[in-house]
Amino acid sequence: MGEAMFTIRNLAVAEGNTPKGILVQAQSLFETGRVVTPSKMALTNRKKYGLGKEPAVDVKDVQKILRKTSFDELIYRGSQSK
């Protein structure tokens, strides 16, 4: 049953029917290299627990991968249908 749901979801996304929340995360990934922007509390907790600064993200490398897999086209198509 789970495999059928993935197939249906993938078909919907391929046709530009992407849920807004997923689309926002995908756009964030493309623009910043991160799905979620860390909150001030998360950054404070990193320091509190000795984790240091959040790791740097090479956005250009992330975008290169997303373009190679045509993910950027799915993002663009999804945002056009909203």
N, C-alpha and C. Protein backbone atom coordinates (compact mmCIF):
# COMPACT_ATOMS: atom_id res chain seq x y z
N MET A 1 0.82 -1.20 0.00
CA MET A 1 0.00 0.00 0.00
C MET A 1 0.86 1.26 0.00
N GLY A 2 1.94 1.26 0.79
CA GLY A 2 2.81 2.43 0.88
C GLY A 2 3.44 2.78 -0.46
N GLU A 3 3.83 1.78 -1.22
CA GLU A 3 4.45 2.02 -2.52
C GLU A 3 3.47 2.70 -3.47
N ALA A 4 2.22 2.32 -3.42
CA ALA A 4 1.21 2.94 -4.28
C ALA A 4 1.04 4.42 -3.92
N MET A 5 1.11 4.73 -2.63
CA MET A 5 0.97 6.13 -2.20
C MET A 5 2.14 6.97 -2.69
N PHE A 6 3.35 6.41 -2.65
CA PHE A 6 4.51 7.13 -3.17
C PHE A 6 4.35 7.39 -4.66
N THR A 7 3.85 6.41 -5.37
CA THR A 7 3.66 6.55 -6.81
C THR A 7 2.64 7.65 -7.11
N ILE A 8 1.53 7.64 -6.40
CA ILE A 8 0.49 8.65 -6.59
C ILE A 8 1.04 10.04 -6.25
N ARG A 9 1.76 10.14 -5.14
CA ARG A 9 2.34 11.43 -4.75
C ARG A 9 3.32 11.93 -5.80
N ASN A 10 4.17 11.04 -6.29
CA ASN A 10 5.16 11.42 -7.30
C ASN A 10 4.49 11.89 -8.59
N LEU A 11 3.42 11.23 -8.98
CA LEU A 11 2.68 11.64 -10.17
C LEU A 11 2.06 13.02 -9.97
N ALA A 12 1.50 13.24 -8.80
CA ALA A 12 0.89 14.55 -8.50
C ALA A 12 1.94 15.66 -8.55
N VAL A 13 3.09 15.43 -7.96
CA VAL A 13 4.16 16.43 -7.96
C VAL A 13 4.65 16.67 -9.38
N ALA A 14 4.80 15.62 -10.15
CA ALA A 14 5.26 15.76 -11.54
C ALA A 14 4.31 16.63 -12.36
N GLU A 15 3.05 16.66 -11.98
CA GLU A 15 2.07 17.47 -12.69
C GLU A 15 1.85 18.85 -12.04
N GLY A 16 2.69 19.16 -11.04
CA GLY A 16 2.61 20.48 -10.42
C GLY A 16 1.67 20.57 -9.24
N ASN A 17 1.17 19.46 -8.77
CA ASN A 17 0.26 19.45 -7.62
C ASN A 17 1.04 19.14 -6.34
N THR A 18 1.78 20.15 -5.88
CA THR A 18 2.62 19.98 -4.71
C THR A 18 1.99 20.71 -3.54
N PRO A 19 1.84 20.05 -2.38
CA PRO A 19 1.30 20.74 -1.20
C PRO A 19 2.16 21.96 -0.86
N LYS A 20 1.52 23.04 -0.46
CA LYS A 20 2.22 24.30 -0.20
C LYS A 20 3.37 24.13 0.80
N GLY A 21 3.15 23.40 1.87
CA GLY A 21 4.20 23.21 2.88
C GLY A 21 5.44 22.53 2.31
N ILE A 22 5.23 21.55 1.47
CA ILE A 22 6.35 20.85 0.83
C ILE A 22 7.06 21.79 -0.13
N LEU A 23 6.29 22.57 -0.86
CA LEU A 23 6.84 23.52 -1.81
C LEU A 23 7.70 24.57 -1.11
N VAL A 24 7.23 25.07 0.02
CA VAL A 24 7.99 26.06 0.80
C VAL A 24 9.32 25.46 1.25
N GLN A 25 9.30 24.22 1.74
CA GLN A 25 10.53 23.56 2.17
C GLN A 25 11.47 23.34 0.98
N ALA A 26 10.92 22.95 -0.14
CA ALA A 26 11.74 22.70 -1.33
C ALA A 26 12.39 24.00 -1.81
N GLN A 27 11.64 25.08 -1.80
CA GLN A 27 12.19 26.38 -2.21
C GLN A 27 13.29 26.82 -1.25
N SER A 28 13.08 26.59 0.04
CA SER A 28 14.09 26.92 1.04
C SER A 28 15.36 26.12 0.80
N LEU A 29 15.20 24.84 0.51
CA LEU A 29 16.35 23.98 0.22
C LEU A 29 17.13 24.53 -0.96
N PHE A 30 16.43 24.93 -2.02
CA PHE A 30 17.10 25.44 -3.21
C PHE A 30 17.78 26.78 -2.95
N GLU A 31 17.14 27.66 -2.18
CA GLU A 31 17.66 29.00 -1.96
C GLU A 31 18.73 29.08 -0.87
N THR A 32 18.63 28.24 0.16
CA THR A 32 19.54 28.34 1.31
C THR A 32 20.37 27.10 1.56
N GLY A 33 19.99 25.99 0.91
CA GLY A 33 20.68 24.73 1.17
C GLY A 33 20.14 24.03 2.41
N ARG A 34 19.11 24.58 3.00
CA ARG A 34 18.49 24.02 4.21
C ARG A 34 16.98 23.95 4.02
N VAL A 35 16.38 22.94 4.62
CA VAL A 35 14.93 22.80 4.55
C VAL A 35 14.28 23.72 5.57
N VAL A 36 14.90 23.83 6.73
CA VAL A 36 14.37 24.64 7.82
C VAL A 36 15.45 25.61 8.29
N THR A 37 15.08 26.86 8.48
CA THR A 37 16.01 27.84 9.03
C THR A 37 16.01 27.68 10.55
N PRO A 38 17.18 27.50 11.14
CA PRO A 38 17.23 27.30 12.59
C PRO A 38 16.70 28.52 13.34
N SER A 39 15.95 28.26 14.38
CA SER A 39 15.41 29.34 15.21
C SER A 39 16.52 29.88 16.13
N LYS A 40 16.26 31.04 16.73
CA LYS A 40 17.23 31.59 17.68
C LYS A 40 17.44 30.63 18.84
N MET A 41 16.35 29.96 19.26
CA MET A 41 16.45 29.01 20.36
C MET A 41 17.35 27.83 19.98
N ALA A 42 17.21 27.34 18.75
CA ALA A 42 18.05 26.23 18.30
C ALA A 42 19.52 26.65 18.29
N LEU A 43 19.79 27.86 17.84
CA LEU A 43 21.17 28.34 17.81
C LEU A 43 21.72 28.51 19.22
N THR A 44 20.87 28.99 20.13
CA THR A 44 21.27 29.12 21.53
C THR A 44 21.56 27.75 22.13
N ASN A 45 20.70 26.77 21.83
CA ASN A 45 20.90 25.43 22.36
C ASN A 45 22.17 24.78 21.79
N ARG A 46 22.51 25.06 20.55
CA ARG A 46 23.76 24.53 19.98
C ARG A 46 24.94 24.99 20.83
N LYS A 47 24.92 26.29 21.16
CA LYS A 47 26.00 26.85 21.98
C LYS A 47 25.98 26.23 23.37
N LYS A 48 24.78 26.13 23.95
CA LYS A 48 24.61 25.58 25.30
C LYS A 48 25.17 24.16 25.41
N TYR A 49 24.96 23.37 24.37
CA TYR A 49 25.40 21.97 24.39
C TYR A 49 26.77 21.75 23.75
N GLY A 50 27.46 22.85 23.46
CA GLY A 50 28.82 22.75 22.95
C GLY A 50 28.92 22.29 21.51
N LEU A 51 27.89 22.54 20.73
CA LEU A 51 27.91 22.09 19.34
C LEU A 51 28.52 23.12 18.40
N GLY A 52 28.79 24.31 18.89
CA GLY A 52 29.38 25.34 18.04
C GLY A 52 28.38 25.89 17.04
N LYS A 53 28.92 26.61 16.06
CA LYS A 53 28.05 27.19 15.03
C LYS A 53 27.47 26.09 14.16
N GLU A 54 26.34 26.40 13.54
CA GLU A 54 25.75 25.43 12.63
C GLU A 54 26.68 25.24 11.44
N PRO A 55 26.71 24.05 10.88
CA PRO A 55 27.60 23.79 9.75
C PRO A 55 27.26 24.67 8.55
N ALA A 56 28.29 25.08 7.85
CA ALA A 56 28.09 25.89 6.65
C ALA A 56 27.52 25.01 5.54
N VAL A 57 26.76 25.63 4.67
CA VAL A 57 26.18 24.92 3.53
C VAL A 57 26.65 25.60 2.25
N ASP A 58 27.17 24.82 1.33
CA ASP A 58 27.55 25.37 0.04
C ASP A 58 26.31 25.34 -0.85
N VAL A 59 25.60 26.45 -0.89
CA VAL A 59 24.33 26.54 -1.61
C VAL A 59 24.51 26.22 -3.08
N LYS A 60 25.61 26.64 -3.66
CA LYS A 60 25.85 26.38 -5.08
C LYS A 60 25.94 24.88 -5.35
N ASP A 61 26.59 24.14 -4.44
CA ASP A 61 26.66 22.69 -4.61
C ASP A 61 25.28 22.04 -4.50
N VAL A 62 24.49 22.52 -3.53
CA VAL A 62 23.13 21.99 -3.36
C VAL A 62 22.32 22.27 -4.63
N GLN A 63 22.40 23.49 -5.13
CA GLN A 63 21.66 23.85 -6.34
C GLN A 63 22.11 23.03 -7.54
N LYS A 64 23.39 22.76 -7.61
CA LYS A 64 23.92 21.94 -8.72
C LYS A 64 23.29 20.55 -8.71
N ILE A 65 23.21 19.96 -7.54
CA ILE A 65 22.59 18.63 -7.40
C ILE A 65 21.11 18.70 -7.76
N LEU A 66 20.42 19.72 -7.23
CA LEU A 66 18.98 19.85 -7.49
C LEU A 66 18.70 20.07 -8.97
N ARG A 67 19.57 20.81 -9.64
CA ARG A 67 19.40 21.01 -11.08
C ARG A 67 19.66 19.73 -11.86
N LYS A 68 20.69 18.98 -11.45
CA LYS A 68 21.02 17.72 -12.13
C LYS A 68 19.86 16.72 -12.06
N THR A 69 19.11 16.76 -10.96
CA THR A 69 18.00 15.82 -10.77
C THR A 69 16.66 16.43 -11.20
N SER A 70 16.69 17.63 -11.78
CA SER A 70 15.50 18.36 -12.25
C SER A 70 14.57 18.75 -11.11
N PHE A 71 15.07 18.71 -9.90
CA PHE A 71 14.26 19.10 -8.74
C PHE A 71 13.85 20.56 -8.83
N ASP A 72 14.75 21.40 -9.35
CA ASP A 72 14.43 22.83 -9.48
C ASP A 72 13.24 23.05 -10.40
N GLU A 73 13.11 22.22 -11.43
CA GLU A 73 11.96 22.34 -12.34
C GLU A 73 10.66 21.97 -11.63
N LEU A 74 10.71 20.97 -10.77
CA LEU A 74 9.52 20.59 -10.00
C LEU A 74 9.10 21.72 -9.06
N ILE A 75 10.08 22.37 -8.45
CA ILE A 75 9.78 23.49 -7.56
C ILE A 75 9.11 24.60 -8.35
N TYR A 76 9.71 24.95 -9.49
CA TYR A 76 9.18 26.04 -10.31
C TYR A 76 7.77 25.70 -10.80
N ARG A 77 7.59 24.48 -11.30
CA ARG A 77 6.27 24.06 -11.81
C ARG A 77 5.24 24.09 -10.69
N GLY A 78 5.63 23.64 -9.50
CA GLY A 78 4.69 23.62 -8.37
C GLY A 78 4.30 25.01 -7.94
N SER A 79 5.25 25.95 -7.97
CA SER A 79 4.93 27.31 -7.53
C SER A 79 4.06 28.04 -8.58
N GLN A 80 4.14 27.64 -9.83
CA GLN A 80 3.33 28.26 -10.87
C GLN A 80 1.87 27.84 -10.79
N SER A 81 1.61 26.64 -10.25
CA SER A 81 0.24 26.15 -10.20
C SER A 81 -0.51 26.64 -8.96
N LYS A 82 0.14 27.38 -8.11
CA LYS A 82 -0.50 27.85 -6.87
C LYS A 82 -1.09 29.21 -7.05
